C-alpha atoms as a PDB file:
ATOM      1  CA  MET A   1       0.000   0.000   0.000  1.00  0.00           C
ATOM      2  CA  SER A   2       1.298   3.430  -0.857  1.00  0.00           C
ATOM      3  CA  ASP A   3       1.768   6.176   1.729  1.00  0.00           C
ATOM      4  CA  VAL A   4      -0.683   8.388  -0.130  1.00  0.00           C
ATOM      5  CA  PHE A   5      -3.389   5.761  -0.012  1.00  0.00           C
ATOM      6  CA  VAL A   6      -2.840   5.016   3.660  1.00  0.00           C
ATOM      7  CA  ARG A   7      -2.748   8.694   4.527  1.00  0.00           C
ATOM      8  CA  ASN A   8      -5.924   9.496   2.639  1.00  0.00           C
ATOM      9  CA  TYR A   9      -7.664   6.392   3.912  1.00  0.00           C
ATOM     10  CA  THR A  10      -6.906   6.925   7.606  1.00  0.00           C
ATOM     11  CA  PRO A  11      -6.357  10.382   9.052  1.00  0.00           C
ATOM     12  CA  LEU A  12      -3.288   9.976  11.212  1.00  0.00           C
ATOM     13  CA  ASN A  13      -2.595  11.732  14.436  1.00  0.00           C
ATOM     14  CA  ASP A  14       0.766  13.401  14.989  1.00  0.00           C
ATOM     15  CA  GLU A  15       2.225  10.435  16.826  1.00  0.00           C
ATOM     16  CA  GLN A  16       1.401   8.052  13.996  1.00  0.00           C
ATOM     17  CA  LYS A  17       2.874  10.484  11.479  1.00  0.00           C
ATOM     18  CA  ARG A  18       6.056  10.634  13.523  1.00  0.00           C
ATOM     19  CA  ASP A  19       6.182   6.838  13.639  1.00  0.00           C
ATOM     20  CA  MET A  20       5.721   6.593   9.886  1.00  0.00           C
ATOM     21  CA  ASP A  21       8.405   9.209   9.265  1.00  0.00           C
ATOM     22  CA  TRP A  22      10.767   7.317  11.579  1.00  0.00           C
ATOM     23  CA  ILE A  23      10.050   4.010   9.855  1.00  0.00           C
ATOM     24  CA  LYS A  24      10.613   5.622   6.475  1.00  0.00           C
ATOM     25  CA  HIS A  25      13.812   7.228   7.731  1.00  0.00           C
ATOM     26  CA  LYS A  26      15.123   3.902   9.025  1.00  0.00           C
ATOM     27  CA  ALA A  27      14.149   2.159   5.809  1.00  0.00           C
ATOM     28  CA  GLU A  28      16.076   4.735   3.791  1.00  0.00           C
ATOM     29  CA  CYS A  29      19.120   4.392   6.053  1.00  0.00           C
ATOM     30  CA  ASN A  30      19.061   0.615   5.754  1.00  0.00           C
ATOM     31  CA  ALA A  31      18.398   0.533   2.024  1.00  0.00           C
ATOM     32  CA  PRO A  32      21.371  -0.853   0.075  1.00  0.00           C
ATOM     33  CA  ARG A  33      22.908   1.866  -2.040  1.00  0.00           C
END
């Protein structure tokens, strides 16, 4: 599922947005270059 779909489908509160940003950040850091 894409971020856009999830975001439009469920309005997130600030904490959930922070969690998603953190997960995305970690995923980017761990992604093989």
